[in-house]
Amino acid sequence: MGFFLALRLHNDKDCIIILIVFVFQGVRAYTRLRHLSDDEKLLCDNVFRYSVHIRDVTSESKRLIKTNMLVEKNERLEFAAPYLCILYMQERWGSTNRATEAPKDLKTFLIDTFTVMDPQTLQNSFGVGKDKRLLERTWQMEFYRAATQVLPNTVYISPDVGADFGSRGFVDFYVDDDRNWVIELLRDGERAEEHEKRFESDGIYAKILKSSKESVIIDIRNPDLFDSHPAKSGGNWMNVYCQKGWETVIIEYRGTKEMIKLIGGKAREKTM
């Protein structure tokens, strides 16, 4: 047996629906994805995406109607309840839970972003150079994924920003919603001088910086370079030293130094 419990909470700005689902073997209504046949998955996919006529249902898929996961309405099939549709969507295609509140400042945002990075993604990435070091683009991709997660859906981070400001150069990331944060990444201190010049008053990011409130250049070091001297420090520089195994990083920024554990993969596992 099993049961479904839905709670509706209200605050000043949002209505948040918390869905608590207990699913046990043999429970009616929702059938876990791993227990569906290929035909049943295809039917649910089509019901989710399109309008499916009852006559198009195969005899093998009618089990979903008998268990009340799907119901007939005006000769069309639909999920028996909105939460069943949500459950199926999350199991079938996954989901990313975004933060409900924005980070209070740039430093918090950066630390939160590294916190939710996935060490397994970094460990298993083929986005490396001949020297087996992660490419700058690999870091940019994971940074963007993690940054999107720690920002609420009212705040956006945009990659490769420049044209909208009439800039000659394109900065790696720009966070909007009146925060106006400009973020540049590099790896292992490579071309540090060049990156720094882009932020000067006559640099290629000059027009972007006129609209920016804060900017940061992040130098991410692979584990083999932990003991190396940073190419730059102070000012708007952040130095990130990855540790063996990619599971922790040491962040030096604005006179502070702290170790951060990367929990991205583990956080997703707990929700499965």
Protein backbone atom coordinates (compact mmCIF):
# COMPACT_ATOMS: atom_id res chain seq x y z
CA MET A 1 0.00 0.00 0.00
CA GLY A 2 1.03 3.65 -0.25
CA PHE A 3 -0.27 7.17 -0.16
CA PHE A 4 0.33 10.60 -1.64
CA LEU A 5 0.48 13.80 0.38
CA ALA A 6 0.54 17.27 -1.14
CA LEU A 7 1.23 20.37 0.95
CA ARG A 8 0.70 23.91 -0.29
CA LEU A 9 2.77 26.64 1.36
CA HIS A 10 2.44 30.36 0.81
CA ASN A 11 4.87 33.21 1.26
CA ASP A 12 4.81 36.83 0.19
CA LYS A 13 5.94 36.19 -3.37
CA ASP A 14 5.55 32.57 -4.28
CA CYS A 15 3.29 29.61 -3.96
CA ILE A 16 5.39 26.52 -3.40
CA ILE A 17 3.93 23.06 -3.76
CA ILE A 18 5.77 20.39 -1.83
CA LEU A 19 4.94 16.91 -3.01
CA ILE A 20 5.71 14.05 -0.68
CA VAL A 21 5.27 10.66 -2.30
CA PHE A 22 5.53 7.27 -0.72
CA VAL A 23 5.60 4.49 -3.29
CA PHE A 24 5.61 0.85 -2.27
CA GLN A 25 5.46 -2.38 -4.21
CA GLY A 26 2.00 -2.88 -5.65
CA VAL A 27 0.75 0.65 -5.02
CA ARG A 28 -1.93 1.79 -7.44
CA ALA A 29 -1.82 5.04 -9.43
CA TYR A 30 1.92 5.53 -9.97
CA THR A 31 4.12 2.87 -11.50
CA ARG A 32 7.86 3.48 -11.24
CA LEU A 33 9.67 3.97 -14.53
CA ARG A 34 11.79 0.85 -14.13
CA HIS A 35 8.60 -1.24 -13.99
CA LEU A 36 7.21 0.08 -17.28
CA SER A 37 7.58 -1.78 -20.55
CA ASP A 38 8.96 0.00 -23.61
CA ASP A 39 5.41 0.28 -25.02
CA GLU A 40 4.17 1.77 -21.75
CA LYS A 41 7.01 4.29 -21.68
CA LEU A 42 6.24 5.29 -25.25
CA LEU A 43 2.58 5.74 -24.38
CA CYS A 44 3.40 7.93 -21.36
CA ASP A 45 5.84 9.94 -23.46
CA ASN A 46 3.14 10.57 -26.04
CA VAL A 47 0.52 11.44 -23.43
CA PHE A 48 2.96 13.91 -21.92
CA ARG A 49 3.82 15.52 -25.26
CA TYR A 50 0.71 15.09 -27.38
CA SER A 51 -2.97 14.23 -27.32
CA VAL A 52 -3.43 10.45 -27.48
CA HIS A 53 -6.73 8.92 -28.58
CA ILE A 54 -7.96 5.94 -26.58
CA ARG A 55 -8.22 3.83 -29.73
CA ASP A 56 -4.45 4.11 -30.25
CA VAL A 57 -3.67 2.33 -26.98
CA THR A 58 -2.32 -1.21 -27.32
CA SER A 59 -3.66 -3.98 -25.15
CA GLU A 60 -0.25 -4.24 -23.46
CA SER A 61 -0.47 -0.61 -22.31
CA LYS A 62 -3.98 -0.77 -20.87
CA ARG A 63 -2.48 -1.75 -17.51
CA LEU A 64 -1.70 1.92 -16.94
CA ILE A 65 -5.39 2.73 -17.26
CA LYS A 66 -6.39 -0.10 -14.96
CA THR A 67 -3.98 1.12 -12.27
CA ASN A 68 -5.29 4.69 -12.69
CA MET A 69 -1.96 6.15 -13.72
CA LEU A 70 -3.66 7.27 -16.94
CA VAL A 71 -7.35 8.09 -17.35
CA GLU A 72 -9.67 8.63 -20.28
CA LYS A 73 -11.26 12.03 -20.79
CA ASN A 74 -13.31 12.81 -23.88
CA GLU A 75 -11.76 9.77 -25.61
CA ARG A 76 -8.27 11.15 -24.93
CA LEU A 77 -5.72 9.93 -22.45
CA GLU A 78 -4.11 12.06 -19.76
CA PHE A 79 -2.31 11.50 -16.48
CA ALA A 80 -4.77 10.90 -13.65
CA ALA A 81 -3.42 13.87 -11.70
CA PRO A 82 -0.87 16.66 -12.28
CA TYR A 83 1.52 15.23 -9.69
CA LEU A 84 1.63 11.90 -11.56
CA CYS A 85 2.68 13.79 -14.66
CA ILE A 86 5.40 15.58 -12.66
CA LEU A 87 6.66 12.34 -11.15
CA TYR A 88 6.88 10.69 -14.54
CA MET A 89 8.65 13.68 -16.07
CA GLN A 90 11.26 13.74 -13.28
CA GLU A 91 11.97 10.01 -13.49
CA ARG A 92 12.00 9.96 -17.28
CA TRP A 93 14.07 13.05 -18.04
CA GLY A 94 15.45 14.16 -14.69
CA SER A 95 15.23 17.60 -13.12
CA THR A 96 17.34 20.36 -11.60
CA ASN A 97 16.18 21.94 -8.38
CA ARG A 98 17.04 25.63 -8.53
CA ALA A 99 17.62 27.74 -5.46
CA THR A 100 14.64 29.68 -4.14
CA GLU A 101 16.74 32.64 -2.99
CA ALA A 102 19.56 34.46 -4.75
CA PRO A 103 23.05 34.53 -3.16
CA LYS A 104 23.49 37.65 -1.04
CA ASP A 105 26.69 38.77 -2.81
CA LEU A 106 29.23 37.80 -5.45
CA LYS A 107 31.49 35.89 -3.07
CA THR A 108 28.62 33.78 -1.79
CA PHE A 109 27.53 33.08 -5.34
CA LEU A 110 31.01 31.91 -6.36
CA ILE A 111 31.44 29.65 -3.32
CA ASP A 112 27.95 28.19 -3.79
CA THR A 113 28.70 27.53 -7.46
CA PHE A 114 31.85 25.55 -6.70
CA THR A 115 30.01 23.72 -3.92
CA VAL A 116 27.45 22.24 -6.30
CA MET A 117 29.96 21.28 -8.98
CA ASP A 118 30.06 17.55 -9.66
CA PRO A 119 33.46 15.94 -8.95
CA GLN A 120 32.48 12.89 -11.01
CA THR A 121 31.93 15.10 -14.05
CA LEU A 122 35.41 16.53 -13.61
CA GLN A 123 36.99 13.13 -12.95
CA ASN A 124 35.46 11.48 -16.01
CA SER A 125 35.51 14.33 -18.50
CA PHE A 126 37.20 13.79 -21.86
CA GLY A 127 37.45 17.57 -22.19
CA VAL A 128 41.19 17.58 -21.60
CA GLY A 129 44.25 18.63 -23.56
CA LYS A 130 47.24 16.53 -24.59
CA ASP A 131 48.66 17.15 -21.13
CA LYS A 132 45.48 15.58 -19.62
CA ARG A 133 44.56 18.83 -17.89
CA LEU A 134 40.92 19.93 -18.01
CA LEU A 135 40.36 22.48 -20.75
CA GLU A 136 39.16 25.98 -19.96
CA ARG A 137 35.99 25.21 -21.90
CA THR A 138 35.34 22.18 -19.68
CA TRP A 139 35.46 24.41 -16.61
CA GLN A 140 33.20 26.96 -18.28
CA MET A 141 30.57 24.31 -18.99
CA GLU A 142 30.53 22.95 -15.44
CA PHE A 143 30.60 26.45 -13.95
CA TYR A 144 27.57 27.44 -16.02
CA ARG A 145 25.64 24.31 -15.01
CA ALA A 146 26.39 24.81 -11.32
CA ALA A 147 25.76 28.57 -11.41
CA THR A 148 22.34 28.05 -12.97
CA GLN A 149 21.45 25.72 -10.11
CA VAL A 150 22.34 28.16 -7.31
CA LEU A 151 20.42 31.04 -8.90
CA PRO A 152 16.62 31.24 -8.65
CA ASN A 153 14.60 31.24 -11.85
CA THR A 154 14.31 35.02 -11.69
CA VAL A 155 18.07 35.56 -12.08
CA TYR A 156 19.98 34.55 -15.18
CA ILE A 157 23.61 33.90 -15.97
CA SER A 158 24.56 34.40 -19.60
CA PRO A 159 27.69 33.05 -21.32
CA ASP A 160 29.84 34.83 -23.91
CA VAL A 161 28.45 38.31 -23.28
CA GLY A 162 29.64 41.35 -25.22
CA ALA A 163 27.67 42.20 -28.34
CA ASP A 164 24.71 43.55 -26.37
CA PHE A 165 27.05 46.11 -24.77
CA GLY A 166 28.84 46.99 -28.01
CA SER A 167 32.00 45.38 -26.63
CA ARG A 168 34.99 44.27 -28.68
CA GLY A 169 35.42 41.28 -26.41
CA PHE A 170 33.16 38.62 -24.99
CA VAL A 171 33.36 37.95 -21.27
CA ASP A 172 32.74 34.38 -20.08
CA PHE A 173 29.67 35.10 -17.90
CA TYR A 174 27.36 37.92 -16.90
CA VAL A 175 24.76 37.72 -14.10
CA ASP A 176 21.82 40.07 -14.50
CA ASP A 177 18.87 41.12 -12.28
CA ASP A 178 20.61 44.32 -11.21
CA ARG A 179 23.57 42.36 -9.87
CA ASN A 180 25.60 42.97 -13.00
CA TRP A 181 28.41 40.57 -12.12
CA VAL A 182 31.12 39.97 -14.71
CA ILE A 183 32.99 36.66 -14.46
CA GLU A 184 36.04 35.43 -16.36
CA LEU A 185 37.63 31.97 -16.03
CA LEU A 186 41.10 30.72 -16.84
CA ARG A 187 42.99 27.57 -15.95
CA ASP A 188 46.37 27.10 -14.37
CA GLY A 189 47.35 30.75 -14.71
CA GLU A 190 47.53 30.55 -18.51
CA ARG A 191 47.55 33.96 -20.22
CA ALA A 192 46.88 35.66 -16.87
CA GLU A 193 48.32 38.97 -18.08
CA GLU A 194 46.13 38.90 -21.16
CA HIS A 195 43.00 38.24 -19.08
CA GLU A 196 43.88 41.06 -16.70
CA LYS A 197 44.37 43.57 -19.52
CA ARG A 198 40.86 42.86 -20.78
CA PHE A 199 39.54 44.47 -17.57
CA GLU A 200 41.57 47.66 -17.85
CA SER A 201 39.92 50.98 -18.68
CA ASP A 202 40.96 50.65 -22.34
CA GLY A 203 40.59 46.85 -22.47
CA ILE A 204 38.20 44.91 -24.65
CA TYR A 205 35.72 44.52 -21.75
CA ALA A 206 35.59 48.26 -21.02
CA LYS A 207 32.06 48.78 -22.30
CA ILE A 208 30.77 45.78 -20.35
CA LEU A 209 32.41 46.99 -17.15
CA LYS A 210 30.62 50.35 -17.41
CA SER A 211 27.40 48.46 -16.59
CA SER A 212 29.03 46.08 -14.13
CA LYS A 213 28.89 46.45 -10.36
CA GLU A 214 31.48 43.76 -9.62
CA SER A 215 33.87 41.61 -11.61
CA VAL A 216 36.07 38.62 -10.88
CA ILE A 217 38.79 36.67 -12.69
CA ILE A 218 38.90 33.05 -11.50
CA ASP A 219 42.14 31.10 -11.93
CA ILE A 220 41.36 27.39 -11.48
CA ARG A 221 44.40 25.22 -10.80
CA ASN A 222 44.48 21.46 -11.36
CA PRO A 223 45.69 19.28 -8.44
CA ASP A 224 49.23 18.97 -9.78
CA LEU A 225 49.66 22.75 -9.49
CA PHE A 226 48.46 23.06 -5.90
CA ASP A 227 51.85 24.21 -4.61
CA SER A 228 52.53 26.59 -7.48
CA HIS A 229 52.52 30.34 -6.91
CA PRO A 230 49.38 32.03 -8.28
CA ALA A 231 49.86 34.06 -11.41
CA LYS A 232 47.87 36.91 -9.84
CA SER A 233 46.28 37.63 -6.48
CA GLY A 234 44.36 40.37 -4.73
CA GLY A 235 41.96 42.81 -6.32
CA ASN A 236 39.35 41.02 -8.38
CA TRP A 237 41.33 37.78 -8.62
CA MET A 238 40.08 34.50 -7.16
CA ASN A 239 42.46 31.52 -7.03
CA VAL A 240 40.91 28.06 -6.86
CA TYR A 241 43.18 25.09 -6.06
CA CYS A 242 41.64 21.72 -6.90
CA GLN A 243 42.67 18.86 -4.62
CA LYS A 244 43.42 15.26 -5.55
CA GLY A 245 40.29 13.47 -6.70
CA TRP A 246 38.54 16.75 -7.56
CA GLU A 247 36.30 16.40 -4.49
CA THR A 248 37.47 19.55 -2.72
CA VAL A 249 38.93 22.92 -3.68
CA ILE A 250 40.73 25.61 -1.72
CA ILE A 251 39.51 29.09 -2.58
CA GLU A 252 41.57 32.23 -2.00
CA TYR A 253 39.58 35.42 -2.47
CA ARG A 254 39.64 38.90 -0.98
CA GLY A 255 41.99 38.01 1.83
CA THR A 256 40.21 34.81 2.84
CA LYS A 257 41.11 31.16 2.32
CA GLU A 258 38.72 28.27 2.76
CA MET A 259 38.27 24.66 1.69
CA ILE A 260 35.06 23.82 -0.16
CA LYS A 261 33.65 20.34 -0.70
CA LEU A 262 32.13 19.65 -4.12
CA ILE A 263 28.80 17.92 -3.54
CA GLY A 264 27.04 18.18 -6.91
CA GLY A 265 26.81 14.48 -7.70
CA LYS A 266 26.07 13.45 -4.12
CA ALA A 267 23.31 16.03 -3.81
CA ARG A 268 21.59 14.61 -6.92
CA GLU A 269 21.94 11.02 -5.68
CA LYS A 270 20.06 11.89 -2.48
CA THR A 271 17.07 13.07 -4.52
CA MET A 272 16.80 9.88 -6.53
